[in-house]
């Protein structure tokens, strides 16, 4: 089976530029500047939500919340911040050495300066070692699943191991820290891990790199079968509104998958390396990266199509494929990984070193009797 992309115009819908943000310095030693569309805050107000965004190169997790005519951006340092999962008052974020778990403590938010509605505090750090955590998601029972890219498997956690391998592609002959196929994306369906993406059907150390421009695959976890081949660096599969969606990073596209035919149809093209997506009604919030000029990213269609690639969060109307708003980084951030819509108009992550944690206690009600 092969991917078949419908023809779409390369025209990019430009939303009106709005406020400019200056947000300190990134790990790459460059000041962070961003510009948002004039309608972005209104959109976030309308959907009563904020965004949680990770950027591993700059070592930051960003929260974006509506605040009057503009959005409020807050950056939190985290080494190699990547996958983000959210479920019922909990957030998990993957980093270079650990998966951090946060719980919402609403009583703390009003005490902060400035006050916020929803404050998430760090509760646990599960040390994984450098397994190159990519996408993550909670299942229907609240168990956290992670894409363990370095070992090429899906993993969960137990009490005695850094990680517990639960599934691997049939063509990967053994678990080894060799990034054999670059397993990267995970989609839940009906509360279970159901679809994954990888950059190659390969079983040697870094073997996927040889055909990165068109060797990508989409797989069914339960059957362990390949559903679609011929994808250009696929990422972020999602089951939404009874459809399977996928990003092709190497093409800069959002597509819908025809599961029966094993093909894809392009819904939207964007001027950057697409990775990280979260839906709200008819809107898709998609992360774009500039893609560094290096051997790893050479030969990709997106490189040739857009010499001046963008980094930021693009808001796409999935019914029309049009760009309706965006947040664009103009310096300090060149790559994004995960984008997550959080139902909160005022969101804050508390850093592990914050002194507010010294006198914040979350106890079971029975403990107070």
Protein backbone atom coordinates (compact mmCIF):
# COMPACT_ATOMS: atom_id res chain seq x y z
CA UNK A 1 0.00 0.00 0.00
CA UNK A 2 1.20 3.52 -0.62
CA UNK A 3 0.23 7.02 0.38
CA UNK A 4 -1.66 9.07 -2.17
CA UNK A 5 -1.86 12.79 -1.52
CA UNK A 6 -4.58 14.88 -3.09
CA UNK A 7 -3.43 18.09 -4.79
CA UNK A 8 -3.74 21.17 -2.60
CA UNK A 9 -2.65 24.71 -3.18
CA UNK A 10 0.61 25.80 -1.55
CA UNK A 11 -0.86 29.22 -0.78
CA UNK A 12 -0.61 30.10 2.89
CA UNK A 13 -3.47 32.03 4.43
CA UNK A 14 -1.93 34.95 6.32
CA UNK A 15 -3.74 36.01 9.49
CA UNK A 16 -3.29 39.65 10.56
CA UNK A 17 -0.25 40.19 12.76
CA UNK A 18 -0.97 41.16 16.35
CA UNK A 19 1.05 41.65 19.54
CA UNK A 20 4.78 40.84 19.79
CA UNK A 21 6.08 38.89 22.79
CA UNK A 22 9.53 39.04 24.38
CA UNK A 23 10.01 36.04 26.66
CA UNK A 24 13.58 35.81 27.94
CA UNK A 25 16.32 33.61 26.54
CA UNK A 26 16.29 30.04 25.30
CA UNK A 27 18.87 27.31 25.91
CA UNK A 28 20.43 28.10 22.54
CA UNK A 29 21.38 31.53 23.91
CA UNK A 30 19.02 33.59 21.78
CA UNK A 31 16.24 35.89 23.06
CA UNK A 32 12.77 34.44 22.52
CA UNK A 33 10.49 36.64 20.43
CA UNK A 34 7.06 35.70 19.11
CA UNK A 35 4.23 37.38 17.22
CA UNK A 36 0.61 36.29 17.39
CA UNK A 37 -2.30 36.85 15.04
CA UNK A 38 -4.63 39.61 16.14
CA UNK A 39 -7.48 37.10 16.56
CA UNK A 40 -5.63 34.40 18.53
CA UNK A 41 -6.66 35.59 21.99
CA UNK A 42 -10.29 35.89 20.87
CA UNK A 43 -10.21 32.32 19.57
CA UNK A 44 -8.75 31.03 22.84
CA UNK A 45 -11.39 32.97 24.80
CA UNK A 46 -14.13 31.52 22.60
CA UNK A 47 -13.03 27.93 23.15
CA UNK A 48 -12.24 28.68 26.83
CA UNK A 49 -8.85 26.99 26.55
CA UNK A 50 -5.09 27.45 26.77
CA UNK A 51 -2.20 25.79 24.98
CA UNK A 52 0.62 23.75 26.41
CA UNK A 53 3.59 23.54 24.00
CA UNK A 54 6.99 21.84 24.30
CA UNK A 55 10.20 22.81 22.53
CA UNK A 56 13.09 20.45 23.11
CA UNK A 57 15.91 22.38 21.45
CA UNK A 58 15.17 25.53 23.46
CA UNK A 59 14.52 23.45 26.60
CA UNK A 60 11.15 25.01 27.41
CA UNK A 61 7.52 24.21 28.08
CA UNK A 62 5.25 27.09 27.13
CA UNK A 63 1.78 27.92 28.39
CA UNK A 64 -0.38 30.26 26.31
CA UNK A 65 -3.60 31.64 27.78
CA UNK A 66 -5.98 34.36 26.54
CA UNK A 67 -5.59 37.69 28.33
CA UNK A 68 -7.72 40.50 26.99
CA UNK A 69 -6.71 41.52 23.47
CA UNK A 70 -3.56 39.43 23.56
CA UNK A 71 -2.34 36.11 24.92
CA UNK A 72 -0.17 35.58 27.96
CA UNK A 73 2.93 33.45 27.35
CA UNK A 74 4.87 31.79 30.14
CA UNK A 75 8.00 29.66 29.70
CA UNK A 76 9.26 26.93 32.03
CA UNK A 77 12.68 25.33 31.71
CA UNK A 78 12.81 21.57 31.11
CA UNK A 79 15.69 19.75 29.47
CA UNK A 80 14.63 18.33 26.09
CA UNK A 81 10.89 18.77 26.72
CA UNK A 82 8.95 16.57 24.29
CA UNK A 83 5.76 14.52 24.63
CA UNK A 84 2.74 15.88 26.54
CA UNK A 85 -0.26 13.90 27.81
CA UNK A 86 -3.33 15.25 29.59
CA UNK A 87 -6.27 13.64 31.38
CA UNK A 88 -8.72 14.85 34.08
CA UNK A 89 -6.57 17.23 36.09
CA UNK A 90 -3.29 15.53 35.26
CA UNK A 91 -0.48 16.41 32.87
CA UNK A 92 2.61 14.39 31.98
CA UNK A 93 5.63 15.76 30.11
CA UNK A 94 8.56 13.75 28.77
CA UNK A 95 12.10 15.08 29.12
CA UNK A 96 15.66 13.90 28.53
CA UNK A 97 15.93 11.89 31.75
CA UNK A 98 12.44 11.55 33.16
CA UNK A 99 8.71 11.79 32.66
CA UNK A 100 7.29 14.51 34.88
CA UNK A 101 3.76 14.16 36.23
CA UNK A 102 1.71 17.18 37.35
CA UNK A 103 -1.60 17.42 39.22
CA UNK A 104 -3.98 20.36 39.23
CA UNK A 105 -4.23 22.18 42.58
CA UNK A 106 -6.86 24.85 42.07
CA UNK A 107 -6.56 26.23 45.61
CA UNK A 108 -3.02 27.37 44.84
CA UNK A 109 -3.80 29.34 41.67
CA UNK A 110 -5.41 32.40 43.35
CA UNK A 111 -2.41 32.73 45.66
CA UNK A 112 0.08 33.21 42.83
CA UNK A 113 1.21 36.58 41.48
CA UNK A 114 -0.46 37.09 39.10
CA UNK A 115 -3.28 34.73 40.13
CA UNK A 116 -4.39 31.94 37.78
CA UNK A 117 -7.41 29.68 37.54
CA UNK A 118 -5.63 26.37 37.00
CA UNK A 119 -2.26 25.66 38.57
CA UNK A 120 -0.51 22.34 37.93
CA UNK A 121 2.17 21.28 40.41
CA UNK A 122 4.85 18.59 39.95
CA UNK A 123 3.96 15.40 41.81
CA UNK A 124 6.31 12.78 40.46
CA UNK A 125 9.35 12.33 38.24
CA UNK A 126 9.72 8.86 36.74
CA UNK A 127 13.35 8.49 35.73
CA UNK A 128 13.63 6.69 32.42
CA UNK A 129 17.18 7.40 31.34
CA UNK A 130 17.69 8.89 27.90
CA UNK A 131 15.21 6.69 26.00
CA UNK A 132 14.23 9.59 23.70
CA UNK A 133 10.60 9.80 24.84
CA UNK A 134 8.37 11.01 22.01
CA UNK A 135 4.56 11.12 22.14
CA UNK A 136 2.63 10.06 25.23
CA UNK A 137 -1.01 9.49 26.13
CA UNK A 138 -3.18 8.30 29.02
CA UNK A 139 -5.41 5.33 28.24
CA UNK A 140 -9.01 4.90 29.35
CA UNK A 141 -7.90 3.55 32.74
CA UNK A 142 -5.55 6.46 33.36
CA UNK A 143 -2.35 4.51 32.64
CA UNK A 144 0.33 6.50 30.85
CA UNK A 145 1.73 5.08 27.60
CA UNK A 146 4.92 6.47 26.12
CA UNK A 147 6.59 6.10 22.75
CA UNK A 148 10.04 4.81 23.68
CA UNK A 149 11.84 5.84 20.51
CA UNK A 150 15.34 4.73 21.37
CA UNK A 151 14.17 1.17 22.10
CA UNK A 152 11.51 1.19 19.34
CA UNK A 153 8.56 0.21 21.53
CA UNK A 154 5.53 1.41 23.45
CA UNK A 155 6.13 1.41 27.19
CA UNK A 156 4.34 1.96 30.48
CA UNK A 157 5.71 1.98 34.04
CA UNK A 158 5.97 -0.45 36.92
CA UNK A 159 7.58 -0.10 40.34
CA UNK A 160 10.86 -1.87 39.61
CA UNK A 161 12.00 -0.68 36.16
CA UNK A 162 12.83 2.51 34.31
CA UNK A 163 10.16 1.46 31.81
CA UNK A 164 8.03 -1.57 31.00
CA UNK A 165 7.99 -2.54 27.28
CA UNK A 166 4.44 -3.39 26.15
CA UNK A 167 4.52 -3.52 22.34
CA UNK A 168 6.96 -3.28 19.45
CA UNK A 169 6.61 -3.45 15.64
CA UNK A 170 6.84 -6.97 14.28
CA UNK A 171 9.86 -6.12 12.12
CA UNK A 172 11.98 -5.00 15.10
CA UNK A 173 13.75 -8.21 16.10
CA UNK A 174 14.82 -7.19 19.60
CA UNK A 175 14.74 -4.36 22.11
CA UNK A 176 17.97 -2.38 21.97
CA UNK A 177 18.81 1.33 22.52
CA UNK A 178 19.50 1.82 18.82
CA UNK A 179 16.56 3.85 17.40
CA UNK A 180 16.05 1.20 14.73
CA UNK A 181 12.81 2.52 13.18
CA UNK A 182 12.27 5.87 14.92
CA UNK A 183 8.89 5.00 16.38
CA UNK A 184 7.48 8.45 17.24
CA UNK A 185 3.69 8.96 17.16
CA UNK A 186 0.80 7.45 19.15
CA UNK A 187 -2.98 7.67 18.73
CA UNK A 188 -5.57 6.41 21.21
CA UNK A 189 -8.94 5.09 20.06
CA UNK A 190 -11.66 4.12 22.52
CA UNK A 191 -9.15 4.55 25.35
CA UNK A 192 -6.56 2.14 23.94
CA UNK A 193 -3.26 2.64 22.07
CA UNK A 194 -4.32 1.91 18.50
CA UNK A 195 -2.15 3.61 15.88
CA UNK A 196 1.55 4.49 15.73
CA UNK A 197 3.89 6.12 13.24
CA UNK A 198 7.54 5.35 12.52
CA UNK A 199 10.04 6.78 10.08
CA UNK A 200 11.09 3.43 8.67
CA UNK A 201 10.29 -0.28 8.43
CA UNK A 202 13.87 -0.99 9.53
CA UNK A 203 15.68 -3.22 12.01
CA UNK A 204 19.22 -1.85 12.18
CA UNK A 205 20.71 0.92 14.27
CA UNK A 206 19.43 4.22 12.81
CA UNK A 207 18.31 2.29 9.73
CA UNK A 208 15.36 4.63 9.06
CA UNK A 209 17.71 7.47 8.07
CA UNK A 210 18.52 5.94 4.67
CA UNK A 211 14.99 6.53 3.31
CA UNK A 212 13.67 9.22 5.61
CA UNK A 213 11.99 11.24 2.84
CA UNK A 214 9.52 8.49 1.87
CA UNK A 215 10.05 5.48 4.13
CA UNK A 216 7.56 6.44 6.84
CA UNK A 217 4.78 4.10 7.94
CA UNK A 218 1.51 4.09 9.90
CA UNK A 219 0.72 0.93 11.88
CA UNK A 220 -2.19 -0.71 13.69
CA UNK A 221 -1.09 -1.71 17.19
CA UNK A 222 -3.56 -4.54 17.77
CA UNK A 223 -2.90 -6.32 14.47
CA UNK A 224 0.76 -5.22 14.29
CA UNK A 225 0.19 -4.58 10.59
CA UNK A 226 1.38 -1.69 8.44
CA UNK A 227 -1.60 0.32 7.20
CA UNK A 228 0.14 2.97 5.08
CA UNK A 229 3.62 3.11 3.56
CA UNK A 230 5.47 5.79 1.64
CA UNK A 231 4.95 8.64 4.11
CA UNK A 232 7.42 11.49 4.52
CA UNK A 233 8.45 11.55 8.18
CA UNK A 234 4.93 10.91 9.58
CA UNK A 235 4.07 12.06 13.07
CA UNK A 236 1.22 12.68 15.52
CA UNK A 237 -1.53 10.28 14.40
CA UNK A 238 -4.86 11.15 16.00
CA UNK A 239 -8.33 9.55 16.02
CA UNK A 240 -10.80 12.43 15.96
CA UNK A 241 -14.41 12.70 14.79
CA UNK A 242 -14.34 9.09 13.57
CA UNK A 243 -11.38 9.79 11.30
CA UNK A 244 -7.68 9.00 11.49
CA UNK A 245 -5.50 12.06 11.01
CA UNK A 246 -1.74 12.22 10.53
CA UNK A 247 0.94 14.84 10.00
CA UNK A 248 3.63 14.33 7.38
CA UNK A 249 6.47 16.40 8.74
CA UNK A 250 8.58 16.07 5.61
CA UNK A 251 5.72 17.48 3.52
CA UNK A 252 4.42 20.04 6.01
CA UNK A 253 0.90 18.63 5.78
CA UNK A 254 -2.15 17.53 7.74
CA UNK A 255 -3.93 14.58 6.14
CA UNK A 256 -6.85 12.21 6.67
CA UNK A 257 -6.17 8.49 6.31
CA UNK A 258 -8.38 6.19 4.25
CA UNK A 259 -8.00 3.11 6.41
CA UNK A 260 -9.57 0.74 3.87
CA UNK A 261 -7.45 1.91 0.93
CA UNK A 262 -4.25 2.59 2.83
CA UNK A 263 -3.96 6.11 1.40
CA UNK A 264 -3.94 9.68 2.68
CA UNK A 265 -5.66 12.85 1.51
CA UNK A 266 -4.11 16.22 2.29
CA UNK A 267 -6.34 18.63 4.22
CA UNK A 268 -3.85 21.48 4.70
CA UNK A 269 -0.28 22.46 3.83
CA UNK A 270 1.80 24.63 6.13
CA UNK A 271 5.18 26.39 5.75
CA UNK A 272 7.09 24.22 8.20
CA UNK A 273 7.90 20.79 9.56
CA UNK A 274 4.55 19.68 11.06
CA UNK A 275 4.72 17.88 14.39
CA UNK A 276 2.32 17.98 17.34
CA UNK A 277 -1.44 18.43 17.00
CA UNK A 278 -4.45 18.91 19.24
CA UNK A 279 -8.08 19.37 18.16
CA UNK A 280 -10.96 21.46 19.45
CA UNK A 281 -14.22 21.23 17.47
CA UNK A 282 -13.36 22.29 13.90
CA UNK A 283 -9.92 23.65 14.84
CA UNK A 284 -6.57 21.88 14.72
CA UNK A 285 -3.67 23.43 16.63
CA UNK A 286 -0.50 22.26 14.87
CA UNK A 287 3.15 22.77 15.76
CA UNK A 288 5.52 23.93 13.03
CA UNK A 289 9.32 23.78 13.10
CA UNK A 290 11.84 25.45 10.82
CA UNK A 291 13.94 22.29 10.36
CA UNK A 292 17.66 22.74 10.65
CA UNK A 293 19.84 22.62 7.56
CA UNK A 294 21.60 19.33 8.26
CA UNK A 295 22.17 15.93 6.77
CA UNK A 296 19.29 14.53 8.82
CA UNK A 297 16.74 16.83 7.19
CA UNK A 298 18.23 17.07 3.70
CA UNK A 299 16.19 15.88 0.74
CA UNK A 300 12.78 16.49 2.32
CA UNK A 301 10.00 18.00 0.17
CA UNK A 302 9.35 20.72 2.78
CA UNK A 303 12.95 21.97 2.40
CA UNK A 304 12.49 22.56 -1.32
CA UNK A 305 8.97 23.93 -1.09
CA UNK A 306 9.60 26.51 1.64
CA UNK A 307 13.14 27.93 1.83
CA UNK A 308 11.90 30.29 4.56
CA UNK A 309 10.23 27.86 6.94
CA UNK A 310 8.30 28.95 10.02
CA UNK A 311 8.19 27.89 13.67
CA UNK A 312 5.08 28.29 15.78
CA UNK A 313 1.54 27.04 16.33
CA UNK A 314 -0.77 27.24 13.31
CA UNK A 315 -4.55 27.10 13.81
CA UNK A 316 -6.27 25.27 10.95
CA UNK A 317 -9.99 25.01 10.21
CA UNK A 318 -10.23 21.30 9.36
CA UNK A 319 -13.44 21.83 7.37
CA UNK A 320 -11.71 24.17 4.89
CA UNK A 321 -7.99 23.56 5.36
CA UNK A 322 -7.49 27.30 5.88
CA UNK A 323 -5.11 28.88 8.37
CA UNK A 324 -7.27 31.02 10.68
CA UNK A 325 -4.68 32.14 13.23
CA UNK A 326 -1.14 31.49 14.44
CA UNK A 327 1.59 32.14 16.98
CA UNK A 328 4.95 32.49 15.23
CA UNK A 329 8.37 32.49 16.87
CA UNK A 330 10.70 34.93 15.16
CA UNK A 331 13.77 34.11 17.27
CA UNK A 332 14.91 31.89 20.13
CA UNK A 333 12.70 28.90 19.24
CA UNK A 334 13.22 26.92 16.03
CA UNK A 335 11.56 23.60 16.82
CA UNK A 336 8.35 22.54 18.55
CA UNK A 337 7.36 19.04 19.55
CA UNK A 338 3.99 18.71 21.29
CA UNK A 339 0.89 20.93 21.27
CA UNK A 340 -1.95 20.28 23.70
CA UNK A 341 -5.24 22.16 24.14
CA UNK A 342 -6.08 22.44 27.85
CA UNK A 343 -9.62 23.47 28.94
CA UNK A 344 -8.57 26.48 31.02
CA UNK A 345 -8.48 30.20 30.30
CA UNK A 346 -5.70 30.76 32.84
CA UNK A 347 -3.06 28.02 32.99
CA UNK A 348 0.21 27.80 34.91
CA UNK A 349 2.82 25.10 35.51
CA UNK A 350 4.69 25.38 38.78
CA UNK A 351 8.42 24.69 38.53
CA UNK A 352 9.81 22.02 40.83
CA UNK A 353 12.04 24.61 42.51
CA UNK A 354 9.19 27.04 43.26
CA UNK A 355 8.97 27.88 46.97
CA UNK A 356 5.18 27.72 46.79
CA UNK A 357 5.57 23.95 46.88
CA UNK A 358 7.13 24.05 50.34
CA UNK A 359 3.78 24.76 51.96
CA UNK A 360 1.43 23.17 49.42
CA UNK A 361 0.05 19.84 50.59
CA UNK A 362 -2.42 17.63 48.78
CA UNK A 363 -3.91 14.99 51.06
CA UNK A 364 -6.64 12.42 50.86
CA UNK A 365 -9.65 13.69 52.79
CA UNK A 366 -9.48 10.65 55.05
CA UNK A 367 -6.02 11.74 56.22
CA UNK A 368 -7.52 14.83 57.82
CA UNK A 369 -10.01 12.95 60.01
